[in-house]
Amino acid sequence: MPATLAPIAIATADGRELVADIWFRAFGVRAHSEYLDGGSLEDRRDERGYVRVDEHLRVAGETQTFAIGDLADADRDMAGIANRQAAVVADNIRALITGTASSPATSRSHP
């Protein structure tokens, strides 16, 4: 199942709870973004199905929604980059929570 369209909560190491409205999972040789059809992010995909992101890995036009790995158009087709992207997004979510500056991704082979 590539996505869970339901609230999901995780606990941080210090016991705080973070809640999201949806959890997207993407993996494989191509972007598996069909589950976005008809939703609010449907028009954020490019012609190959990748979700367009900015230099902070935020979904284009969004302030608190991120995409990484095989789903994002940043460094697409390079699944090994996903771990580095995950660290950038974790830093940027922390920045949203604490009100500090966000971090850009250092490698973007596809604008």
PDB file of N, CA and C in Angstrom:
ATOM      1  N   MET A   1       0.843  -1.171   0.000  1.00  0.00           N
ATOM      2  CA  MET A   1       0.000   0.000   0.000  1.00  0.00           C
ATOM      3  C   MET A   1       0.893   1.240   0.000  1.00  0.00           C
ATOM      4  N   PRO A   2       0.792   2.102  -1.023  1.00  0.00           N
ATOM      5  CA  PRO A   2       1.710   3.222  -1.136  1.00  0.00           C
ATOM      6  C   PRO A   2       1.401   4.419  -0.247  1.00  0.00           C
ATOM      7  N   ALA A   3       0.223   4.506   0.329  1.00  0.00           N
ATOM      8  CA  ALA A   3      -0.099   5.664   1.173  1.00  0.00           C
ATOM      9  C   ALA A   3      -1.164   5.284   2.186  1.00  0.00           C
ATOM     10  N   THR A   4      -1.174   6.022   3.276  1.00  0.00           N
ATOM     11  CA  THR A   4      -2.210   5.875   4.283  1.00  0.00           C
ATOM     12  C   THR A   4      -2.911   7.217   4.387  1.00  0.00           C
ATOM     13  N   LEU A   5      -4.138   7.274   3.887  1.00  0.00           N
ATOM     14  CA  LEU A   5      -4.903   8.516   3.919  1.00  0.00           C
ATOM     15  C   LEU A   5      -5.712   8.548   5.197  1.00  0.00           C
ATOM     16  N   ALA A   6      -4.984   8.760   6.278  1.00  0.00           N
ATOM     17  CA  ALA A   6      -5.583   8.823   7.608  1.00  0.00           C
ATOM     18  C   ALA A   6      -4.554   9.456   8.530  1.00  0.00           C
ATOM     19  N   PRO A   7      -5.002  10.095   9.591  1.00  0.00           N
ATOM     20  CA  PRO A   7      -4.036  10.673  10.513  1.00  0.00           C
ATOM     21  C   PRO A   7      -3.077   9.611  11.048  1.00  0.00           C
ATOM     22  N   ILE A   8      -1.828  10.009  11.169  1.00  0.00           N
ATOM     23  CA  ILE A   8      -0.812   9.124  11.714  1.00  0.00           C
ATOM     24  C   ILE A   8      -0.013   9.927  12.733  1.00  0.00           C
ATOM     25  N   ALA A   9       0.331   9.312  13.838  1.00  0.00           N
ATOM     26  CA  ALA A   9       1.074   9.997  14.891  1.00  0.00           C
ATOM     27  C   ALA A   9       2.342   9.207  15.200  1.00  0.00           C
ATOM     28  N   ILE A  10       3.413   9.946  15.449  1.00  0.00           N
ATOM     29  CA  ILE A  10       4.658   9.320  15.893  1.00  0.00           C
ATOM     30  C   ILE A  10       5.123  10.061  17.133  1.00  0.00           C
ATOM     31  N   ALA A  11       5.883   9.377  17.962  1.00  0.00           N
ATOM     32  CA  ALA A  11       6.431   9.987  19.178  1.00  0.00           C
ATOM     33  C   ALA A  11       7.912  10.263  18.968  1.00  0.00           C
ATOM     34  N   THR A  12       8.363  11.438  19.390  1.00  0.00           N
ATOM     35  CA  THR A  12       9.775  11.772  19.320  1.00  0.00           C
ATOM     36  C   THR A  12      10.499  11.135  20.500  1.00  0.00           C
ATOM     37  N   ALA A  13      11.817  11.191  20.474  1.00  0.00           N
ATOM     38  CA  ALA A  13      12.617  10.608  21.554  1.00  0.00           C
ATOM     39  C   ALA A  13      12.309  11.253  22.897  1.00  0.00           C
ATOM     40  N   ASP A  14      11.916  12.555  22.873  1.00  0.00           N
ATOM     41  CA  ASP A  14      11.605  13.215  24.153  1.00  0.00           C
ATOM     42  C   ASP A  14      10.126  13.115  24.527  1.00  0.00           C
ATOM     43  N   GLY A  15       9.367  12.281  23.789  1.00  0.00           N
ATOM     44  CA  GLY A  15       7.987  12.015  24.152  1.00  0.00           C
ATOM     45  C   GLY A  15       6.940  12.898  23.498  1.00  0.00           C
ATOM     46  N   ARG A  16       7.371  13.901  22.708  1.00  0.00           N
ATOM     47  CA  ARG A  16       6.382  14.731  22.005  1.00  0.00           C
ATOM     48  C   ARG A  16       5.748  13.925  20.882  1.00  0.00           C
ATOM     49  N   GLU A  17       4.521  14.260  20.552  1.00  0.00           N
ATOM     50  CA  GLU A  17       3.810  13.566  19.486  1.00  0.00           C
ATOM     51  C   GLU A  17       3.709  14.478  18.265  1.00  0.00           C
ATOM     52  N   LEU A  18       4.040  13.929  17.089  1.00  0.00           N
ATOM     53  CA  LEU A  18       3.884  14.628  15.822  1.00  0.00           C
ATOM     54  C   LEU A  18       2.776  13.932  15.048  1.00  0.00           C
ATOM     55  N   VAL A  19       1.851  14.711  14.516  1.00  0.00           N
ATOM     56  CA  VAL A  19       0.705  14.151  13.809  1.00  0.00           C
ATOM     57  C   VAL A  19       0.706  14.660  12.380  1.00  0.00           C
ATOM     58  N   ALA A  20       0.426  13.779  11.433  1.00  0.00           N
ATOM     59  CA  ALA A  20       0.309  14.136  10.017  1.00  0.00           C
ATOM     60  C   ALA A  20      -1.047  13.653   9.508  1.00  0.00           C
ATOM     61  N   ASP A  21      -1.550  14.307   8.480  1.00  0.00           N
ATOM     62  CA  ASP A  21      -2.843  13.924   7.909  1.00  0.00           C
ATOM     63  C   ASP A  21      -2.747  12.728   6.985  1.00  0.00           C
ATOM     64  N   ILE A  22      -1.563  12.501   6.394  1.00  0.00           N
ATOM     65  CA  ILE A  22      -1.374  11.395   5.461  1.00  0.00           C
ATOM     66  C   ILE A  22       0.090  10.979   5.483  1.00  0.00           C
ATOM     67  N   TRP A  23       0.339   9.722   5.230  1.00  0.00           N
ATOM     68  CA  TRP A  23       1.701   9.202   5.158  1.00  0.00           C
ATOM     69  C   TRP A  23       1.870   8.601   3.775  1.00  0.00           C
ATOM     70  N   PHE A  24       2.836   9.111   3.018  1.00  0.00           N
ATOM     71  CA  PHE A  24       3.109   8.614   1.668  1.00  0.00           C
ATOM     72  C   PHE A  24       4.333   7.721   1.705  1.00  0.00           C
ATOM     73  N   ARG A  25       4.244   6.587   1.053  1.00  0.00           N
ATOM     74  CA  ARG A  25       5.403   5.742   0.838  1.00  0.00           C
ATOM     75  C   ARG A  25       5.584   5.618  -0.657  1.00  0.00           C
ATOM     76  N   ALA A  26       6.801   5.740  -1.127  1.00  0.00           N
ATOM     77  CA  ALA A  26       7.069   5.603  -2.557  1.00  0.00           C
ATOM     78  C   ALA A  26       8.378   4.848  -2.731  1.00  0.00           C
ATOM     79  N   PHE A  27       8.402   3.936  -3.674  1.00  0.00           N
ATOM     80  CA  PHE A  27       9.606   3.164  -3.929  1.00  0.00           C
ATOM     81  C   PHE A  27       9.473   2.531  -5.297  1.00  0.00           C
ATOM     82  N   GLY A  28      10.604   2.185  -5.880  1.00  0.00           N
ATOM     83  CA  GLY A  28      10.584   1.525  -7.177  1.00  0.00           C
ATOM     84  C   GLY A  28      11.353   2.309  -8.215  1.00  0.00           C
ATOM     85  N   VAL A  29      11.246   1.854  -9.454  1.00  0.00           N
ATOM     86  CA  VAL A  29      11.993   2.442 -10.549  1.00  0.00           C
ATOM     87  C   VAL A  29      11.336   3.719 -11.051  1.00  0.00           C
ATOM     88  N   ARG A  30      10.069   3.856 -10.846  1.00  0.00           N
ATOM     89  CA  ARG A  30       9.355   5.057 -11.285  1.00  0.00           C
ATOM     90  C   ARG A  30       8.549   5.599 -10.111  1.00  0.00           C
ATOM     91  N   ALA A  31       8.122   6.818 -10.281  1.00  0.00           N
ATOM     92  CA  ALA A  31       7.304   7.428  -9.226  1.00  0.00           C
ATOM     93  C   ALA A  31       5.946   6.726  -9.182  1.00  0.00           C
ATOM     94  N   HIS A  32       5.561   6.259  -8.028  1.00  0.00           N
ATOM     95  CA  HIS A  32       4.244   5.652  -7.829  1.00  0.00           C
ATOM     96  C   HIS A  32       3.379   6.693  -7.125  1.00  0.00           C
ATOM     97  N   SER A  33       2.812   7.592  -7.917  1.00  0.00           N
ATOM     98  CA  SER A  33       2.065   8.704  -7.336  1.00  0.00           C
ATOM     99  C   SER A  33       0.597   8.703  -7.744  1.00  0.00           C
ATOM    100  N   GLU A  34       0.121   7.575  -8.237  1.00  0.00           N
ATOM    101  CA  GLU A  34      -1.269   7.501  -8.689  1.00  0.00           C
ATOM    102  C   GLU A  34      -2.254   7.817  -7.564  1.00  0.00           C
ATOM    103  N   TYR A  35      -1.883   7.535  -6.344  1.00  0.00           N
ATOM    104  CA  TYR A  35      -2.790   7.780  -5.220  1.00  0.00           C
ATOM    105  C   TYR A  35      -3.040   9.266  -4.988  1.00  0.00           C
ATOM    106  N   LEU A  36      -2.295  10.127  -5.682  1.00  0.00           N
ATOM    107  CA  LEU A  36      -2.531  11.572  -5.590  1.00  0.00           C
ATOM    108  C   LEU A  36      -3.634  12.035  -6.540  1.00  0.00           C
ATOM    109  N   ASP A  37      -4.055  11.161  -7.469  1.00  0.00           N
ATOM    110  CA  ASP A  37      -5.107  11.522  -8.419  1.00  0.00           C
ATOM    111  C   ASP A  37      -6.347  11.998  -7.675  1.00  0.00           C
ATOM    112  N   GLY A  38      -6.841  13.171  -8.082  1.00  0.00           N
ATOM    113  CA  GLY A  38      -8.057  13.704  -7.487  1.00  0.00           C
ATOM    114  C   GLY A  38      -7.851  14.412  -6.163  1.00  0.00           C
ATOM    115  N   GLY A  39      -6.629  14.430  -5.642  1.00  0.00           N
ATOM    116  CA  GLY A  39      -6.361  15.074  -4.362  1.00  0.00           C
ATOM    117  C   GLY A  39      -5.755  16.456  -4.532  1.00  0.00           C
ATOM    118  N   SER A  40      -5.465  17.095  -3.428  1.00  0.00           N
ATOM    119  CA  SER A  40      -4.967  18.474  -3.457  1.00  0.00           C
ATOM    120  C   SER A  40      -3.546  18.595  -3.995  1.00  0.00           C
ATOM    121  N   LEU A  41      -2.804  17.497  -4.083  1.00  0.00           N
ATOM    122  CA  LEU A  41      -1.446  17.542  -4.616  1.00  0.00           C
ATOM    123  C   LEU A  41      -1.351  17.008  -6.046  1.00  0.00           C
ATOM    124  N   GLU A  42      -2.472  16.673  -6.640  1.00  0.00           N
ATOM    125  CA  GLU A  42      -2.470  16.081  -7.982  1.00  0.00           C
ATOM    126  C   GLU A  42      -1.713  16.946  -8.988  1.00  0.00           C
ATOM    127  N   ASP A  43      -1.901  18.258  -8.938  1.00  0.00           N
ATOM    128  CA  ASP A  43      -1.272  19.144  -9.916  1.00  0.00           C
ATOM    129  C   ASP A  43       0.169  19.493  -9.566  1.00  0.00           C
ATOM    130  N   ARG A  44       0.723  18.911  -8.517  1.00  0.00           N
ATOM    131  CA  ARG A  44       2.110  19.187  -8.131  1.00  0.00           C
ATOM    132  C   ARG A  44       3.072  18.196  -8.779  1.00  0.00           C
ATOM    133  N   ARG A  45       2.553  17.281  -9.595  1.00  0.00           N
ATOM    134  CA  ARG A  45       3.395  16.277 -10.249  1.00  0.00           C
ATOM    135  C   ARG A  45       3.826  16.753 -11.631  1.00  0.00           C
ATOM    136  N   ASP A  46       5.000  16.274 -12.049  1.00  0.00           N
ATOM    137  CA  ASP A  46       5.442  16.566 -13.406  1.00  0.00           C
ATOM    138  C   ASP A  46       4.885  15.511 -14.359  1.00  0.00           C
ATOM    139  N   GLU A  47       5.298  15.587 -15.623  1.00  0.00           N
ATOM    140  CA  GLU A  47       4.752  14.685 -16.639  1.00  0.00           C
ATOM    141  C   GLU A  47       5.097  13.217 -16.407  1.00  0.00           C
ATOM    142  N   ARG A  48       6.122  12.933 -15.589  1.00  0.00           N
ATOM    143  CA  ARG A  48       6.500  11.547 -15.293  1.00  0.00           C
ATOM    144  C   ARG A  48       5.952  11.067 -13.959  1.00  0.00           C
ATOM    145  N   GLY A  49       5.203  11.926 -13.269  1.00  0.00           N
ATOM    146  CA  GLY A  49       4.584  11.528 -12.010  1.00  0.00           C
ATOM    147  C   GLY A  49       5.355  11.929 -10.772  1.00  0.00           C
ATOM    148  N   TYR A  50       6.533  12.535 -10.929  1.00  0.00           N
ATOM    149  CA  TYR A  50       7.301  12.982  -9.771  1.00  0.00           C
ATOM    150  C   TYR A  50       6.663  14.229  -9.169  1.00  0.00           C
ATOM    151  N   VAL A  51       6.716  14.328  -7.851  1.00  0.00           N
ATOM    152  CA  VAL A  51       6.196  15.504  -7.149  1.00  0.00           C
ATOM    153  C   VAL A  51       7.279  16.588  -7.179  1.00  0.00           C
ATOM    154  N   ARG A  52       6.903  17.779  -7.666  1.00  0.00           N
ATOM    155  CA  ARG A  52       7.850  18.884  -7.738  1.00  0.00           C
ATOM    156  C   ARG A  52       8.123  19.429  -6.336  1.00  0.00           C
ATOM    157  N   VAL A  53       9.409  19.588  -6.015  1.00  0.00           N
ATOM    158  CA  VAL A  53       9.816  20.101  -4.711  1.00  0.00           C
ATOM    159  C   VAL A  53      10.761  21.281  -4.889  1.00  0.00           C
ATOM    160  N   ASP A  54      10.862  22.122  -3.838  1.00  0.00           N
ATOM    161  CA  ASP A  54      11.802  23.236  -3.862  1.00  0.00           C
ATOM    162  C   ASP A  54      13.137  22.787  -3.270  1.00  0.00           C
ATOM    163  N   GLU A  55      14.042  23.734  -3.081  1.00  0.00           N
ATOM    164  CA  GLU A  55      15.381  23.398  -2.596  1.00  0.00           C
ATOM    165  C   GLU A  55      15.395  22.879  -1.169  1.00  0.00           C
ATOM    166  N   HIS A  56      14.282  23.023  -0.443  1.00  0.00           N
ATOM    167  CA  HIS A  56      14.169  22.497   0.920  1.00  0.00           C
ATOM    168  C   HIS A  56      13.393  21.179   0.949  1.00  0.00           C
ATOM    169  N   LEU A  57      13.077  20.643  -0.230  1.00  0.00           N
ATOM    170  CA  LEU A  57      12.321  19.407  -0.415  1.00  0.00           C
ATOM    171  C   LEU A  57      10.862  19.542   0.002  1.00  0.00           C
ATOM    172  N   ARG A  58      10.376  20.799   0.081  1.00  0.00           N
ATOM    173  CA  ARG A  58       8.950  21.046   0.301  1.00  0.00           C
ATOM    174  C   ARG A  58       8.237  20.856  -1.029  1.00  0.00           C
ATOM    175  N   VAL A  59       7.034  20.299  -0.978  1.00  0.00           N
ATOM    176  CA  VAL A  59       6.227  20.175  -2.185  1.00  0.00           C
ATOM    177  C   VAL A  59       5.964  21.578  -2.721  1.00  0.00           C
ATOM    178  N   ALA A  60       6.095  21.749  -4.030  1.00  0.00           N
ATOM    179  CA  ALA A  60       5.920  23.055  -4.667  1.00  0.00           C
ATOM    180  C   ALA A  60       4.608  23.697  -4.226  1.00  0.00           C
ATOM    181  N   GLY A  61       4.697  24.930  -3.719  1.00  0.00           N
ATOM    182  CA  GLY A  61       3.523  25.669  -3.286  1.00  0.00           C
ATOM    183  C   GLY A  61       3.065  25.364  -1.872  1.00  0.00           C
ATOM    184  N   GLU A  62       3.734  24.462  -1.186  1.00  0.00           N
ATOM    185  CA  GLU A  62       3.358  24.084   0.177  1.00  0.00           C
ATOM    186  C   GLU A  62       4.400  24.598   1.162  1.00  0.00           C
ATOM    187  N   THR A  63       4.009  24.787   2.413  1.00  0.00           N
ATOM    188  CA  THR A  63       4.965  25.222   3.429  1.00  0.00           C
ATOM    189  C   THR A  63       5.280  24.138   4.447  1.00  0.00           C
ATOM    190  N   GLN A  64       4.405  23.133   4.585  1.00  0.00           N
ATOM    191  CA  GLN A  64       4.603  22.108   5.607  1.00  0.00           C
ATOM    192  C   GLN A  64       4.435  20.699   5.059  1.00  0.00           C
ATOM    193  N   THR A  65       4.600  20.540   3.749  1.00  0.00           N
ATOM    194  CA  THR A  65       4.471  19.228   3.117  1.00  0.00           C
ATOM    195  C   THR A  65       5.752  18.956   2.340  1.00  0.00           C
ATOM    196  N   PHE A  66       6.375  17.819   2.606  1.00  0.00           N
ATOM    197  CA  PHE A  66       7.659  17.478   2.004  1.00  0.00           C
ATOM    198  C   PHE A  66       7.534  16.188   1.197  1.00  0.00           C
ATOM    199  N   ALA A  67       8.434  16.017   0.222  1.00  0.00           N
ATOM    200  CA  ALA A  67       8.512  14.775  -0.543  1.00  0.00           C
ATOM    201  C   ALA A  67       9.984  14.441  -0.747  1.00  0.00           C
ATOM    202  N   ILE A  68      10.323  13.158  -0.620  1.00  0.00           N
ATOM    203  CA  ILE A  68      11.707  12.714  -0.792  1.00  0.00           C
ATOM    204  C   ILE A  68      11.733  11.413  -1.563  1.00  0.00           C
ATOM    205  N   GLY A  69      12.945  10.979  -1.868  1.00  0.00           N
ATOM    206  CA  GLY A  69      13.154   9.673  -2.478  1.00  0.00           C
ATOM    207  C   GLY A  69      12.573   9.571  -3.874  1.00  0.00           C
ATOM    208  N   ASP A  70      12.077   8.406  -4.197  1.00  0.00           N
ATOM    209  CA  ASP A  70      11.589   8.124  -5.540  1.00  0.00           C
ATOM    210  C   ASP A  70      10.365   8.924  -5.928  1.00  0.00           C
ATOM    211  N   LEU A  71       9.714   9.570  -4.992  1.00  0.00           N
ATOM    212  CA  LEU A  71       8.525  10.355  -5.289  1.00  0.00           C
ATOM    213  C   LEU A  71       8.873  11.780  -5.713  1.00  0.00           C
ATOM    214  N   ALA A  72       9.943  12.332  -5.186  1.00  0.00           N
ATOM    215  CA  ALA A  72      10.314  13.732  -5.426  1.00  0.00           C
ATOM    216  C   ALA A  72      11.100  13.893  -6.719  1.00  0.00           C
ATOM    217  N   ASP A  73      10.959  15.076  -7.344  1.00  0.00           N
ATOM    218  CA  ASP A  73      11.724  15.327  -8.566  1.00  0.00           C
ATOM    219  C   ASP A  73      13.165  15.744  -8.285  1.00  0.00           C
ATOM    220  N   ALA A  74      13.552  15.860  -7.021  1.00  0.00           N
ATOM    221  CA  ALA A  74      14.946  16.147  -6.660  1.00  0.00           C
ATOM    222  C   ALA A  74      15.744  14.858  -6.727  1.00  0.00           C
ATOM    223  N   ASP A  75      16.800  14.869  -7.517  1.00  0.00           N
ATOM    224  CA  ASP A  75      17.668  13.694  -7.619  1.00  0.00           C
ATOM    225  C   ASP A  75      16.890  12.434  -7.973  1.00  0.00           C
ATOM    226  N   ARG A  76      15.867  12.587  -8.773  1.00  0.00           N
ATOM    227  CA  ARG A  76      15.028  11.433  -9.114  1.00  0.00           C
ATOM    228  C   ARG A  76      15.841  10.340  -9.782  1.00  0.00           C
ATOM    229  N   ASP A  77      15.334   9.156  -9.681  1.00  0.00           N
ATOM    230  CA  ASP A  77      15.970   7.946 -10.202  1.00  0.00           C
ATOM    231  C   ASP A  77      17.274   7.609  -9.477  1.00  0.00           C
ATOM    232  N   MET A  78      17.473   8.180  -8.294  1.00  0.00           N
ATOM    233  CA  MET A  78      18.680   7.912  -7.514  1.00  0.00           C
ATOM    234  C   MET A  78      18.252   7.565  -6.091  1.00  0.00           C
ATOM    235  N   ALA A  79      17.705   6.380  -5.905  1.00  0.00           N
ATOM    236  CA  ALA A  79      17.108   5.992  -4.628  1.00  0.00           C
ATOM    237  C   ALA A  79      18.078   6.099  -3.462  1.00  0.00           C
ATOM    238  N   GLY A  80      19.369   5.932  -3.686  1.00  0.00           N
ATOM    239  CA  GLY A  80      20.339   6.016  -2.604  1.00  0.00           C
ATOM    240  C   GLY A  80      20.403   7.387  -1.959  1.00  0.00           C
ATOM    241  N   ILE A  81      19.913   8.404  -2.648  1.00  0.00           N
ATOM    242  CA  ILE A  81      19.921   9.769  -2.123  1.00  0.00           C
ATOM    243  C   ILE A  81      18.836   9.945  -1.055  1.00  0.00           C
ATOM    244  N   ALA A  82      17.854   9.066  -1.017  1.00  0.00           N
ATOM    245  CA  ALA A  82      16.697   9.228  -0.133  1.00  0.00           C
ATOM    246  C   ALA A  82      17.097   9.363   1.336  1.00  0.00           C
ATOM    247  N   ASN A  83      18.100   8.646   1.789  1.00  0.00           N
ATOM    248  CA  ASN A  83      18.526   8.772   3.196  1.00  0.00           C
ATOM    249  C   ASN A  83      19.019  10.173   3.498  1.00  0.00           C
ATOM    250  N   ARG A  84      19.775  10.757   2.582  1.00  0.00           N
ATOM    251  CA  ARG A  84      20.257  12.128   2.776  1.00  0.00           C
ATOM    252  C   ARG A  84      19.077  13.100   2.746  1.00  0.00           C
ATOM    253  N   GLN A  85      18.125  12.869   1.822  1.00  0.00           N
ATOM    254  CA  GLN A  85      16.945  13.722   1.760  1.00  0.00           C
ATOM    255  C   GLN A  85      16.132  13.623   3.045  1.00  0.00           C
ATOM    256  N   ALA A  86      16.027  12.430   3.603  1.00  0.00           N
ATOM    257  CA  ALA A  86      15.281  12.244   4.854  1.00  0.00           C
ATOM    258  C   ALA A  86      15.881  13.087   5.971  1.00  0.00           C
ATOM    259  N   ALA A  87      17.197  13.169   6.026  1.00  0.00           N
ATOM    260  CA  ALA A  87      17.847  13.986   7.052  1.00  0.00           C
ATOM    261  C   ALA A  87      17.535  15.467   6.845  1.00  0.00           C
ATOM    262  N   VAL A  88      17.512  15.931   5.586  1.00  0.00           N
ATOM    263  CA  VAL A  88      17.182  17.331   5.293  1.00  0.00           C
ATOM    264  C   VAL A  88      15.749  17.627   5.720  1.00  0.00           C
ATOM    265  N   VAL A  89      14.821  16.728   5.373  1.00  0.00           N
ATOM    266  CA  VAL A  89      13.422  16.947   5.742  1.00  0.00           C
ATOM    267  C   VAL A  89      13.255  16.914   7.260  1.00  0.00           C
ATOM    268  N   ALA A  90      13.930  16.008   7.941  1.00  0.00           N
ATOM    269  CA  ALA A  90      13.851  15.976   9.409  1.00  0.00           C
ATOM    270  C   ALA A  90      14.336  17.305   9.995  1.00  0.00           C
ATOM    271  N   ASP A  91      15.431  17.831   9.467  1.00  0.00           N
ATOM    272  CA  ASP A  91      15.921  19.135   9.924  1.00  0.00           C
ATOM    273  C   ASP A  91      14.899  20.241   9.643  1.00  0.00           C
ATOM    274  N   ASN A  92      14.252  20.182   8.484  1.00  0.00           N
ATOM    275  CA  ASN A  92      13.289  21.224   8.123  1.00  0.00           C
ATOM    276  C   ASN A  92      12.000  21.126   8.936  1.00  0.00           C
ATOM    277  N   ILE A  93      11.580  19.938   9.279  1.00  0.00           N
ATOM    278  CA  ILE A  93      10.416  19.793  10.170  1.00  0.00           C
ATOM    279  C   ILE A  93      10.772  20.327  11.560  1.00  0.00           C
ATOM    280  N   ARG A  94      11.983  20.025  12.025  1.00  0.00           N
ATOM    281  CA  ARG A  94      12.449  20.567  13.303  1.00  0.00           C
ATOM    282  C   ARG A  94      12.460  22.097  13.246  1.00  0.00           C
ATOM    283  N   ALA A  95      12.899  22.664  12.114  1.00  0.00           N
ATOM    284  CA  ALA A  95      12.925  24.123  11.952  1.00  0.00           C
ATOM    285  C   ALA A  95      11.514  24.707  11.988  1.00  0.00           C
ATOM    286  N   LEU A  96      10.550  24.020  11.389  1.00  0.00           N
ATOM    287  CA  LEU A  96       9.158  24.480  11.451  1.00  0.00           C
ATOM    288  C   LEU A  96       8.665  24.510  12.893  1.00  0.00           C
ATOM    289  N   ILE A  97       9.011  23.486  13.652  1.00  0.00           N
ATOM    290  CA  ILE A  97       8.551  23.377  15.044  1.00  0.00           C
ATOM    291  C   ILE A  97       9.211  24.434  15.923  1.00  0.00           C
ATOM    292  N   THR A  98      10.511  24.656  15.710  1.00  0.00           N
ATOM    293  CA  THR A  98      11.255  25.565  16.587  1.00  0.00           C
ATOM    294  C   THR A  98      11.309  26.997  16.070  1.00  0.00           C
ATOM    295  N   GLY A  99      10.882  27.220  14.815  1.00  0.00           N
ATOM    296  CA  GLY A  99      10.913  28.564  14.255  1.00  0.00           C
ATOM    297  C   GLY A  99      12.293  29.012  13.811  1.00  0.00           C
ATOM    298  N   THR A 100      13.189  28.058  13.546  1.00  0.00           N
ATOM    299  CA  THR A 100      14.532  28.395  13.088  1.00  0.00           C
ATOM    300  C   THR A 100      14.619  28.279  11.569  1.00  0.00           C
ATOM    301  N   ALA A 101      15.773  28.609  11.008  1.00  0.00           N
ATOM    302  CA  ALA A 101      15.966  28.587   9.552  1.00  0.00           C
ATOM    303  C   ALA A 101      15.971  27.153   9.033  1.00  0.00           C
ATOM    304  N   SER A 102      15.389  26.967   7.852  1.00  0.00           N
ATOM    305  CA  SER A 102      15.368  25.640   7.248  1.00  0.00           C
ATOM    306  C   SER A 102      16.640  25.410   6.440  1.00  0.00           C
ATOM    307  N   SER A 103      16.901  24.144   6.114  1.00  0.00           N
ATOM    308  CA  SER A 103      18.112  23.751   5.391  1.00  0.00           C
ATOM    309  C   SER A 103      17.758  23.358   3.968  1.00  0.00           C
ATOM    310  N   PRO A 104      18.527  23.858   2.991  1.00  0.00           N
ATOM    311  CA  PRO A 104      18.317  23.411   1.618  1.00  0.00           C
ATOM    312  C   PRO A 104      18.971  22.058   1.380  1.00  0.00           C
ATOM    313  N   ALA A 105      18.471  21.331   0.410  1.00  0.00           N
ATOM    314  CA  ALA A 105      19.129  20.101  -0.020  1.00  0.00           C
ATOM    315  C   ALA A 105      20.370  20.516  -0.802  1.00  0.00           C
ATOM    316  N   THR A 106      21.467  19.787  -0.659  1.00  0.00           N
ATOM    317  CA  THR A 106      22.708  20.193  -1.303  1.00  0.00           C
ATOM    318  C   THR A 106      22.847  19.672  -2.717  1.00  0.00           C
ATOM    319  N   SER A 107      22.084  18.658  -3.100  1.00  0.00           N
ATOM    320  CA  SER A 107      22.193  18.090  -4.438  1.00  0.00           C
ATOM    321  C   SER A 107      20.826  18.025  -5.059  1.00  0.00           C
ATOM    322  N   ARG A 108      20.698  18.638  -6.233  1.00  0.00           N
ATOM    323  CA  ARG A 108      19.440  18.591  -6.984  1.00  0.00           C
ATOM    324  C   ARG A 108      19.804  18.436  -8.454  1.00  0.00           C
ATOM    325  N   SER A 109      19.817  17.218  -8.921  1.00  0.00           N
ATOM    326  CA  SER A 109      20.222  16.999 -10.311  1.00  0.00           C
ATOM    327  C   SER A 109      19.102  17.340 -11.287  1.00  0.00           C
ATOM    328  N   HIS A 110      17.874  17.486 -10.816  1.00  0.00           N
ATOM    329  CA  HIS A 110      16.757  17.834 -11.673  1.00  0.00           C
ATOM    330  C   HIS A 110      16.053  19.041 -11.056  1.00  0.00           C
ATOM    331  N   PRO A 111      15.963  20.169 -11.770  1.00  0.00           N
ATOM    332  CA  PRO A 111      15.278  21.349 -11.214  1.00  0.00           C
ATOM    333  C   PRO A 111      13.800  21.163 -11.066  1.00  0.00           C
TER     334      PRO A 111
END
